[in-house]
Amino acid sequence: MTTPLLVGRIATHGTDAPTLDGLTAVARAAEAAGLDALILDDAAGSPGRQAPFETTTLAAALAARTDRIGLIVSPLPADQAPYHVARIVASLDHLGRGRTGWLAGAADAEGRTAELIEVARGLWDSFDDDAYVHDRADGQYWRLDTIHRLDHRGRHFDVAGPLNVARPPQGHPVVAVRGPALAADADLVLLDDPADVPAVRSSAPGAKVLVPLLDHADAEGLLAASGADGLTVALSGAHDPFLTTTAPTLRRAGAPQPADTTLRARLGLSRPASRYATGTV
């Protein structure tokens, strides 16, 4: 049996406002149970409750308190410019040593989310991987020929670039989307309906597809019936039954996890080469 991908969802607010220590306990329990990533969701929880933590700030804190688990941040506010989105997510990937994912959201009629993903990926390629040489003897911090302007002109965004952050450890942090419509633009597709898996397989054969687990007793049955790569599950706390019982069972049934702790490696995704290294601009 192939090891299924396991991704937990934790709300950053609820009936009782969580503390950083409480959320850290959930993250560490999920890491110990072998989960591949956590989605930090400040949109979930009790209606009308104010989330005490903005998810990118929370991700930075949890990155310092965990070692292996991936951290996927919720969509950034719709009025955030692509440059700032790319900069924040790239910075988180550096802080987490290659463990960051970005939930870009769902498709929209105007195509804004798809273009936002395109621009963010272009900005992450602003510097070549070997741009920063830190050569004190020659007084050279980085090489001029390794920086690239994006000069994107699109329907929603005009972005010159370059980004003022080194290329992320993963090359591109993992891009996740909700629903099948943006599957071709994503690395990770989160579905509500398992019946959508075949359509996503056809439109985005390289993406990883996850479906929600509602009945813990039927985890293996859901995976087999849907053909998905893995499961998403809402976690109630550090002692959630999924962490203490279901996840360890699924891990024992599968192959060992990779030694590489980047989120891309855990999801079975390759590290993308820069568009400038491959000549595809």
C-alpha atoms as a PDB file:
ATOM      1  CA  MET A   1       0.000   0.000   0.000  1.00  0.00           C
ATOM      2  CA  THR A   2       1.265   3.461  -0.893  1.00  0.00           C
ATOM      3  CA  THR A   3       1.531   5.731   2.110  1.00  0.00           C
ATOM      4  CA  PRO A   4      -1.450   8.106   2.002  1.00  0.00           C
ATOM      5  CA  LEU A   5      -0.908  11.812   2.408  1.00  0.00           C
ATOM      6  CA  LEU A   6      -2.413  13.071   5.655  1.00  0.00           C
ATOM      7  CA  VAL A   7      -3.205  16.740   6.193  1.00  0.00           C
ATOM      8  CA  GLY A   8      -4.908  18.134   9.271  1.00  0.00           C
ATOM      9  CA  ARG A   9      -6.929  21.321   9.514  1.00  0.00           C
ATOM     10  CA  ILE A  10      -6.847  23.378  12.672  1.00  0.00           C
ATOM     11  CA  ALA A  11      -9.001  26.429  13.235  1.00  0.00           C
ATOM     12  CA  THR A  12      -7.210  29.373  14.776  1.00  0.00           C
ATOM     13  CA  HIS A  13     -10.341  30.274  16.689  1.00  0.00           C
ATOM     14  CA  GLY A  14     -13.359  28.535  18.160  1.00  0.00           C
ATOM     15  CA  THR A  15     -15.614  28.542  21.208  1.00  0.00           C
ATOM     16  CA  ASP A  16     -12.573  29.030  23.416  1.00  0.00           C
ATOM     17  CA  ALA A  17      -9.871  31.192  21.821  1.00  0.00           C
ATOM     18  CA  PRO A  18      -6.795  28.981  21.457  1.00  0.00           C
ATOM     19  CA  THR A  19      -3.425  29.929  22.860  1.00  0.00           C
ATOM     20  CA  LEU A  20      -0.101  29.574  21.082  1.00  0.00           C
ATOM     21  CA  ASP A  21       0.835  26.798  23.495  1.00  0.00           C
ATOM     22  CA  GLY A  22      -2.410  24.978  22.698  1.00  0.00           C
ATOM     23  CA  LEU A  23      -1.912  25.229  18.950  1.00  0.00           C
ATOM     24  CA  THR A  24       1.710  24.173  19.371  1.00  0.00           C
ATOM     25  CA  ALA A  25       0.543  21.055  21.215  1.00  0.00           C
ATOM     26  CA  VAL A  26      -1.752  20.180  18.294  1.00  0.00           C
ATOM     27  CA  ALA A  27       1.038  20.756  15.765  1.00  0.00           C
ATOM     28  CA  ARG A  28       3.508  18.624  17.698  1.00  0.00           C
ATOM     29  CA  ALA A  29       0.955  15.843  18.175  1.00  0.00           C
ATOM     30  CA  ALA A  30       0.201  15.898  14.438  1.00  0.00           C
ATOM     31  CA  GLU A  31       3.921  15.764  13.681  1.00  0.00           C
ATOM     32  CA  ALA A  32       4.411  12.809  16.045  1.00  0.00           C
ATOM     33  CA  ALA A  33       1.469  10.997  14.424  1.00  0.00           C
ATOM     34  CA  GLY A  34       3.129  11.310  11.015  1.00  0.00           C
ATOM     35  CA  LEU A  35       0.885  13.895   9.389  1.00  0.00           C
ATOM     36  CA  ASP A  36       2.431  15.550   6.367  1.00  0.00           C
ATOM     37  CA  ALA A  37       1.025  19.032   6.901  1.00  0.00           C
ATOM     38  CA  LEU A  38      -1.394  21.246   8.775  1.00  0.00           C
ATOM     39  CA  ILE A  39      -3.707  23.790   7.195  1.00  0.00           C
ATOM     40  CA  LEU A  40      -3.891  26.814   9.495  1.00  0.00           C
ATOM     41  CA  ASP A  41      -7.404  28.042   8.874  1.00  0.00           C
ATOM     42  CA  ASP A  42      -8.578  31.321  10.355  1.00  0.00           C
ATOM     43  CA  ALA A  43     -11.827  31.081   8.364  1.00  0.00           C
ATOM     44  CA  ALA A  44     -12.972  27.926  10.195  1.00  0.00           C
ATOM     45  CA  GLY A  45     -14.441  27.760  13.660  1.00  0.00           C
ATOM     46  CA  SER A  46     -17.392  29.441  15.300  1.00  0.00           C
ATOM     47  CA  PRO A  47     -19.222  32.124  13.273  1.00  0.00           C
ATOM     48  CA  GLY A  48     -18.624  35.593  14.620  1.00  0.00           C
ATOM     49  CA  ARG A  49     -15.583  34.655  16.671  1.00  0.00           C
ATOM     50  CA  GLN A  50     -12.466  36.725  16.122  1.00  0.00           C
ATOM     51  CA  ALA A  51      -9.345  34.714  15.309  1.00  0.00           C
ATOM     52  CA  PRO A  52      -6.574  35.605  17.785  1.00  0.00           C
ATOM     53  CA  PHE A  53      -3.794  34.804  15.298  1.00  0.00           C
ATOM     54  CA  GLU A  54      -3.236  35.789  11.697  1.00  0.00           C
ATOM     55  CA  THR A  55      -2.174  32.573  10.002  1.00  0.00           C
ATOM     56  CA  THR A  56       1.128  33.647   8.463  1.00  0.00           C
ATOM     57  CA  THR A  57       2.297  34.972  11.827  1.00  0.00           C
ATOM     58  CA  LEU A  58       1.130  31.751  13.462  1.00  0.00           C
ATOM     59  CA  ALA A  59       2.970  29.691  10.828  1.00  0.00           C
ATOM     60  CA  ALA A  60       6.213  31.497  11.621  1.00  0.00           C
ATOM     61  CA  ALA A  61       5.758  30.735  15.332  1.00  0.00           C
ATOM     62  CA  LEU A  62       4.906  27.073  14.725  1.00  0.00           C
ATOM     63  CA  ALA A  63       7.821  26.675  12.316  1.00  0.00           C
ATOM     64  CA  ALA A  64      10.129  27.469  15.237  1.00  0.00           C
ATOM     65  CA  ARG A  65       8.354  24.932  17.464  1.00  0.00           C
ATOM     66  CA  THR A  66       8.196  21.973  15.054  1.00  0.00           C
ATOM     67  CA  ASP A  67      10.738  20.098  12.949  1.00  0.00           C
ATOM     68  CA  ARG A  68       9.143  18.187  10.070  1.00  0.00           C
ATOM     69  CA  ILE A  69       5.461  18.901   9.534  1.00  0.00           C
ATOM     70  CA  GLY A  70       4.390  21.176   6.679  1.00  0.00           C
ATOM     71  CA  LEU A  71       2.488  24.378   7.454  1.00  0.00           C
ATOM     72  CA  ILE A  72      -0.085  25.576   4.913  1.00  0.00           C
ATOM     73  CA  VAL A  73      -1.384  29.103   5.416  1.00  0.00           C
ATOM     74  CA  SER A  74      -4.890  30.276   4.547  1.00  0.00           C
ATOM     75  CA  PRO A  75      -5.543  32.618   1.631  1.00  0.00           C
ATOM     76  CA  LEU A  76      -4.109  36.055   2.312  1.00  0.00           C
ATOM     77  CA  PRO A  77      -6.559  39.003   2.188  1.00  0.00           C
ATOM     78  CA  ALA A  78      -7.967  39.608  -1.284  1.00  0.00           C
ATOM     79  CA  ASP A  79      -6.561  43.134  -1.414  1.00  0.00           C
ATOM     80  CA  GLN A  80      -2.964  41.942  -0.887  1.00  0.00           C
ATOM     81  CA  ALA A  81      -0.756  42.692  -3.883  1.00  0.00           C
ATOM     82  CA  PRO A  82       0.927  39.649  -5.491  1.00  0.00           C
ATOM     83  CA  TYR A  83       4.353  41.029  -4.575  1.00  0.00           C
ATOM     84  CA  HIS A  84       3.480  41.009  -0.872  1.00  0.00           C
ATOM     85  CA  VAL A  85       1.868  37.559  -1.073  1.00  0.00           C
ATOM     86  CA  ALA A  86       4.970  36.138  -2.770  1.00  0.00           C
ATOM     87  CA  ARG A  87       7.303  37.843  -0.282  1.00  0.00           C
ATOM     88  CA  ILE A  88       5.422  36.626   2.802  1.00  0.00           C
ATOM     89  CA  VAL A  89       5.151  33.035   1.573  1.00  0.00           C
ATOM     90  CA  ALA A  90       8.804  32.935   0.459  1.00  0.00           C
ATOM     91  CA  SER A  91       9.901  34.303   3.833  1.00  0.00           C
ATOM     92  CA  LEU A  92       7.879  31.616   5.616  1.00  0.00           C
ATOM     93  CA  ASP A  93       9.514  28.942   3.479  1.00  0.00           C
ATOM     94  CA  HIS A  94      12.943  30.187   4.549  1.00  0.00           C
ATOM     95  CA  LEU A  95      11.882  30.302   8.217  1.00  0.00           C
ATOM     96  CA  GLY A  96      10.394  26.793   8.036  1.00  0.00           C
ATOM     97  CA  ARG A  97      13.339  25.332   6.093  1.00  0.00           C
ATOM     98  CA  GLY A  98      11.176  24.381   3.138  1.00  0.00           C
ATOM     99  CA  ARG A  99       7.983  23.377   4.939  1.00  0.00           C
ATOM    100  CA  THR A 100       5.572  26.072   3.738  1.00  0.00           C
ATOM    101  CA  GLY A 101       2.423  25.745   1.678  1.00  0.00           C
ATOM    102  CA  TRP A 102       0.054  28.476   0.519  1.00  0.00           C
ATOM    103  CA  LEU A 103      -3.669  27.868   0.168  1.00  0.00           C
ATOM    104  CA  ALA A 104      -4.418  30.269  -2.676  1.00  0.00           C
ATOM    105  CA  GLY A 105      -8.153  29.668  -2.414  1.00  0.00           C
ATOM    106  CA  ALA A 106     -10.824  28.736  -4.920  1.00  0.00           C
ATOM    107  CA  ALA A 107     -11.501  29.732  -8.510  1.00  0.00           C
ATOM    108  CA  ASP A 108     -13.235  33.020  -9.263  1.00  0.00           C
ATOM    109  CA  ALA A 109     -15.131  34.102 -12.347  1.00  0.00           C
ATOM    110  CA  GLU A 110     -12.619  36.821 -13.202  1.00  0.00           C
ATOM    111  CA  GLY A 111      -9.549  34.569 -13.061  1.00  0.00           C
ATOM    112  CA  ARG A 112      -7.823  36.643 -10.388  1.00  0.00           C
ATOM    113  CA  THR A 113      -6.667  33.686  -8.266  1.00  0.00           C
ATOM    114  CA  ALA A 114      -5.135  31.886 -11.249  1.00  0.00           C
ATOM    115  CA  GLU A 115      -3.222  35.020 -12.228  1.00  0.00           C
ATOM    116  CA  LEU A 116      -2.118  35.574  -8.632  1.00  0.00           C
ATOM    117  CA  ILE A 117      -0.601  32.074  -8.575  1.00  0.00           C
ATOM    118  CA  GLU A 118       1.159  32.721 -11.887  1.00  0.00           C
ATOM    119  CA  VAL A 119       2.671  35.977 -10.646  1.00  0.00           C
ATOM    120  CA  ALA A 120       3.759  34.537  -7.284  1.00  0.00           C
ATOM    121  CA  ARG A 121       5.601  31.683  -8.982  1.00  0.00           C
ATOM    122  CA  GLY A 122       7.291  34.120 -11.333  1.00  0.00           C
ATOM    123  CA  LEU A 123       8.445  36.274  -8.436  1.00  0.00           C
ATOM    124  CA  TRP A 124       9.827  33.243  -6.567  1.00  0.00           C
ATOM    125  CA  ASP A 125      12.164  32.797  -9.534  1.00  0.00           C
ATOM    126  CA  SER A 126      13.551  36.348  -9.201  1.00  0.00           C
ATOM    127  CA  PHE A 127      16.914  35.063  -7.956  1.00  0.00           C
ATOM    128  CA  ASP A 128      18.717  31.979  -9.216  1.00  0.00           C
ATOM    129  CA  ASP A 129      19.432  29.296  -6.637  1.00  0.00           C
ATOM    130  CA  ASP A 130      23.139  30.169  -6.615  1.00  0.00           C
ATOM    131  CA  ALA A 131      22.669  33.946  -6.612  1.00  0.00           C
ATOM    132  CA  TYR A 132      23.973  34.620  -3.111  1.00  0.00           C
ATOM    133  CA  VAL A 133      27.700  33.939  -2.850  1.00  0.00           C
ATOM    134  CA  HIS A 134      28.542  35.889   0.350  1.00  0.00           C
ATOM    135  CA  ASP A 135      32.129  36.335  -0.805  1.00  0.00           C
ATOM    136  CA  ARG A 136      33.698  38.689   1.743  1.00  0.00           C
ATOM    137  CA  ALA A 137      37.124  38.541   0.137  1.00  0.00           C
ATOM    138  CA  ASP A 138      35.794  39.951  -3.163  1.00  0.00           C
ATOM    139  CA  GLY A 139      33.126  42.061  -1.511  1.00  0.00           C
ATOM    140  CA  GLN A 140      30.385  40.278  -3.463  1.00  0.00           C
ATOM    141  CA  TYR A 141      27.093  39.510  -1.721  1.00  0.00           C
ATOM    142  CA  TRP A 142      25.196  38.268  -4.764  1.00  0.00           C
ATOM    143  CA  ARG A 143      25.842  38.063  -8.504  1.00  0.00           C
ATOM    144  CA  LEU A 144      24.122  40.618 -10.719  1.00  0.00           C
ATOM    145  CA  ASP A 145      23.539  38.157 -13.558  1.00  0.00           C
ATOM    146  CA  THR A 146      21.402  35.916 -11.340  1.00  0.00           C
ATOM    147  CA  ILE A 147      18.549  38.366 -10.724  1.00  0.00           C
ATOM    148  CA  HIS A 148      15.556  38.617 -13.049  1.00  0.00           C
ATOM    149  CA  ARG A 149      12.692  41.047 -13.537  1.00  0.00           C
ATOM    150  CA  LEU A 150       9.268  39.516 -14.065  1.00  0.00           C
ATOM    151  CA  ASP A 151       7.605  42.388 -15.973  1.00  0.00           C
ATOM    152  CA  HIS A 152       4.190  40.753 -15.791  1.00  0.00           C
ATOM    153  CA  ARG A 153       1.326  42.550 -17.509  1.00  0.00           C
ATOM    154  CA  GLY A 154      -2.003  40.850 -17.013  1.00  0.00           C
ATOM    155  CA  ARG A 155      -5.717  41.363 -16.677  1.00  0.00           C
ATOM    156  CA  HIS A 156      -5.568  42.004 -12.937  1.00  0.00           C
ATOM    157  CA  PHE A 157      -1.930  42.705 -12.103  1.00  0.00           C
ATOM    158  CA  ASP A 158       1.056  44.605 -13.445  1.00  0.00           C
ATOM    159  CA  VAL A 159       4.140  43.474 -11.547  1.00  0.00           C
ATOM    160  CA  ALA A 160       7.679  44.409 -12.513  1.00  0.00           C
ATOM    161  CA  GLY A 161       9.651  42.589  -9.819  1.00  0.00           C
ATOM    162  CA  PRO A 162      12.114  41.331  -8.898  1.00  0.00           C
ATOM    163  CA  LEU A 163      11.229  40.016  -5.453  1.00  0.00           C
ATOM    164  CA  ASN A 164      13.611  41.114  -2.703  1.00  0.00           C
ATOM    165  CA  VAL A 165      13.841  37.638  -1.140  1.00  0.00           C
ATOM    166  CA  ALA A 166      16.158  34.790  -2.141  1.00  0.00           C
ATOM    167  CA  ARG A 167      14.599  31.881  -3.998  1.00  0.00           C
ATOM    168  CA  PRO A 168      12.681  29.726  -1.476  1.00  0.00           C
ATOM    169  CA  PRO A 169      14.191  26.439  -0.292  1.00  0.00           C
ATOM    170  CA  GLN A 170      11.497  24.529  -2.187  1.00  0.00           C
ATOM    171  CA  GLY A 171      11.998  26.612  -5.316  1.00  0.00           C
ATOM    172  CA  HIS A 172       8.278  27.309  -5.193  1.00  0.00           C
ATOM    173  CA  PRO A 173       6.409  26.787  -1.924  1.00  0.00           C
ATOM    174  CA  VAL A 174       3.562  24.298  -2.342  1.00  0.00           C
ATOM    175  CA  VAL A 175       0.464  25.923  -3.869  1.00  0.00           C
ATOM    176  CA  ALA A 176      -2.855  24.449  -2.730  1.00  0.00           C
ATOM    177  CA  VAL A 177      -6.342  25.248  -4.059  1.00  0.00           C
ATOM    178  CA  ARG A 178      -9.884  24.382  -3.078  1.00  0.00           C
ATOM    179  CA  GLY A 179     -12.000  22.593  -5.650  1.00  0.00           C
ATOM    180  CA  PRO A 180     -11.287  21.185  -9.112  1.00  0.00           C
ATOM    181  CA  ALA A 181     -11.467  24.385 -11.174  1.00  0.00           C
ATOM    182  CA  LEU A 182      -7.892  25.513 -10.427  1.00  0.00           C
ATOM    183  CA  ALA A 183      -6.341  22.053 -10.328  1.00  0.00           C
ATOM    184  CA  ALA A 184      -4.107  22.716 -13.338  1.00  0.00           C
ATOM    185  CA  ASP A 185      -2.568  25.691 -11.506  1.00  0.00           C
ATOM    186  CA  ALA A 186      -1.883  23.844  -8.245  1.00  0.00           C
ATOM    187  CA  ASP A 187       0.434  21.354  -6.574  1.00  0.00           C
ATOM    188  CA  LEU A 188      -2.190  20.234  -4.059  1.00  0.00           C
ATOM    189  CA  VAL A 189      -5.956  20.078  -4.677  1.00  0.00           C
ATOM    190  CA  LEU A 190      -8.388  19.956  -1.752  1.00  0.00           C
ATOM    191  CA  LEU A 191     -11.755  18.528  -2.760  1.00  0.00           C
ATOM    192  CA  ASP A 192     -15.081  18.448  -0.957  1.00  0.00           C
ATOM    193  CA  ASP A 193     -16.543  15.751  -3.213  1.00  0.00           C
ATOM    194  CA  PRO A 194     -14.547  12.530  -3.818  1.00  0.00           C
ATOM    195  CA  ALA A 195     -16.429  12.149  -7.107  1.00  0.00           C
ATOM    196  CA  ASP A 196     -14.310  15.015  -8.492  1.00  0.00           C
ATOM    197  CA  VAL A 197     -11.056  13.027  -8.244  1.00  0.00           C
ATOM    198  CA  PRO A 198     -11.145  11.568 -11.794  1.00  0.00           C
ATOM    199  CA  ALA A 199     -11.688  15.003 -13.350  1.00  0.00           C
ATOM    200  CA  VAL A 200      -8.731  16.431 -11.427  1.00  0.00           C
ATOM    201  CA  ARG A 201      -6.569  13.481 -12.474  1.00  0.00           C
ATOM    202  CA  SER A 202      -7.336  14.312 -16.124  1.00  0.00           C
ATOM    203  CA  SER A 203      -6.746  18.061 -15.894  1.00  0.00           C
ATOM    204  CA  ALA A 204      -3.766  18.035 -13.513  1.00  0.00           C
ATOM    205  CA  PRO A 205      -1.993  14.663 -13.522  1.00  0.00           C
ATOM    206  CA  GLY A 206       0.960  16.037 -11.556  1.00  0.00           C
ATOM    207  CA  ALA A 207      -1.080  17.466  -8.679  1.00  0.00           C
ATOM    208  CA  LYS A 208      -1.777  15.655  -5.435  1.00  0.00           C
ATOM    209  CA  VAL A 209      -5.453  15.236  -4.615  1.00  0.00           C
ATOM    210  CA  LEU A 210      -6.936  15.077  -1.119  1.00  0.00           C
ATOM    211  CA  VAL A 211     -10.492  14.355  -0.001  1.00  0.00           C
ATOM    212  CA  PRO A 212     -12.072  15.036   3.408  1.00  0.00           C
ATOM    213  CA  LEU A 213     -12.371  12.260   5.972  1.00  0.00           C
ATOM    214  CA  LEU A 214     -15.607  12.320   7.954  1.00  0.00           C
ATOM    215  CA  ASP A 215     -15.729   8.727   9.257  1.00  0.00           C
ATOM    216  CA  HIS A 216     -12.405   7.712  10.802  1.00  0.00           C
ATOM    217  CA  ALA A 217     -13.382   4.048  10.693  1.00  0.00           C
ATOM    218  CA  ASP A 218     -13.577   4.139   6.895  1.00  0.00           C
ATOM    219  CA  ALA A 219     -10.286   5.898   6.091  1.00  0.00           C
ATOM    220  CA  GLU A 220      -8.830   3.076   4.015  1.00  0.00           C
ATOM    221  CA  GLY A 221     -12.153   2.478   2.281  1.00  0.00           C
ATOM    222  CA  LEU A 222     -12.442   6.140   1.291  1.00  0.00           C
ATOM    223  CA  LEU A 223      -8.925   6.166  -0.129  1.00  0.00           C
ATOM    224  CA  ALA A 224      -9.542   3.017  -2.150  1.00  0.00           C
ATOM    225  CA  ALA A 225     -12.939   4.120  -3.461  1.00  0.00           C
ATOM    226  CA  SER A 226     -11.983   7.676  -4.374  1.00  0.00           C
ATOM    227  CA  GLY A 227      -8.522   7.078  -5.802  1.00  0.00           C
ATOM    228  CA  ALA A 228      -7.278  10.170  -3.940  1.00  0.00           C
ATOM    229  CA  ASP A 229      -3.686  10.573  -2.795  1.00  0.00           C
ATOM    230  CA  GLY A 230      -4.679  11.302   0.760  1.00  0.00           C
ATOM    231  CA  LEU A 231      -7.033  12.786   3.284  1.00  0.00           C
ATOM    232  CA  THR A 232      -7.793  16.041   5.023  1.00  0.00           C
ATOM    233  CA  VAL A 233      -9.287  15.946   8.495  1.00  0.00           C
ATOM    234  CA  ALA A 234     -10.417  18.603  10.952  1.00  0.00           C
ATOM    235  CA  LEU A 235      -8.535  18.243  14.227  1.00  0.00           C
ATOM    236  CA  SER A 236     -10.212  19.035  17.528  1.00  0.00           C
ATOM    237  CA  GLY A 237      -7.030  19.086  19.595  1.00  0.00           C
ATOM    238  CA  ALA A 238      -3.809  17.312  20.487  1.00  0.00           C
ATOM    239  CA  HIS A 239      -5.715  14.202  21.586  1.00  0.00           C
ATOM    240  CA  ASP A 240      -7.964  13.954  18.541  1.00  0.00           C
ATOM    241  CA  PRO A 241      -8.750  10.268  17.774  1.00  0.00           C
ATOM    242  CA  PHE A 242      -7.382  10.700  14.264  1.00  0.00           C
ATOM    243  CA  LEU A 243      -3.956  11.490  15.713  1.00  0.00           C
ATOM    244  CA  THR A 244      -3.962   8.816  18.384  1.00  0.00           C
ATOM    245  CA  THR A 245      -5.509   5.939  16.410  1.00  0.00           C
ATOM    246  CA  THR A 246      -6.275   6.439  12.708  1.00  0.00           C
ATOM    247  CA  ALA A 247      -3.098   8.152  11.487  1.00  0.00           C
ATOM    248  CA  PRO A 248      -0.688   5.669  13.139  1.00  0.00           C
ATOM    249  CA  THR A 249      -2.672   2.788  11.602  1.00  0.00           C
ATOM    250  CA  LEU A 250      -2.480   4.302   8.124  1.00  0.00           C
ATOM    251  CA  ARG A 251       1.233   4.982   8.534  1.00  0.00           C
ATOM    252  CA  ARG A 252       1.971   1.392   9.559  1.00  0.00           C
ATOM    253  CA  ALA A 253       0.172   0.168   6.449  1.00  0.00           C
ATOM    254  CA  GLY A 254       2.229   2.284   4.092  1.00  0.00           C
ATOM    255  CA  ALA A 255       5.793   2.790   2.998  1.00  0.00           C
ATOM    256  CA  PRO A 256       8.316   4.811   5.061  1.00  0.00           C
ATOM    257  CA  GLN A 257       8.227   8.590   4.781  1.00  0.00           C
ATOM    258  CA  PRO A 258      11.051  10.330   2.902  1.00  0.00           C
ATOM    259  CA  ALA A 259      14.085  11.511   4.824  1.00  0.00           C
ATOM    260  CA  ASP A 260      13.844  14.912   3.099  1.00  0.00           C
ATOM    261  CA  THR A 261      11.644  17.067   5.339  1.00  0.00           C
ATOM    262  CA  THR A 262      10.577  19.685   2.785  1.00  0.00           C
ATOM    263  CA  LEU A 263       6.842  19.751   2.203  1.00  0.00           C
ATOM    264  CA  ARG A 264       7.352  19.052  -1.511  1.00  0.00           C
ATOM    265  CA  ALA A 265       9.304  15.897  -0.707  1.00  0.00           C
ATOM    266  CA  ARG A 266       6.692  14.716   1.761  1.00  0.00           C
ATOM    267  CA  LEU A 267       3.971  15.192  -0.840  1.00  0.00           C
ATOM    268  CA  GLY A 268       5.994  13.455  -3.545  1.00  0.00           C
ATOM    269  CA  LEU A 269       6.420  16.634  -5.582  1.00  0.00           C
ATOM    270  CA  SER A 270       9.630  17.529  -7.378  1.00  0.00           C
ATOM    271  CA  ARG A 271      11.429  20.810  -6.777  1.00  0.00           C
ATOM    272  CA  PRO A 272      10.764  23.045  -9.813  1.00  0.00           C
ATOM    273  CA  ALA A 273      13.666  24.535 -11.693  1.00  0.00           C
ATOM    274  CA  SER A 274      13.642  28.275 -12.209  1.00  0.00           C
ATOM    275  CA  ARG A 275      11.955  29.378 -15.415  1.00  0.00           C
ATOM    276  CA  TYR A 276      15.189  31.170 -16.285  1.00  0.00           C
ATOM    277  CA  ALA A 277      17.304  28.072 -15.760  1.00  0.00           C
ATOM    278  CA  THR A 278      15.099  26.105 -18.160  1.00  0.00           C
ATOM    279  CA  GLY A 279      14.714  28.917 -20.674  1.00  0.00           C
ATOM    280  CA  THR A 280      10.926  29.018 -20.331  1.00  0.00           C
ATOM    281  CA  VAL A 281       9.985  32.607 -19.549  1.00  0.00           C
END
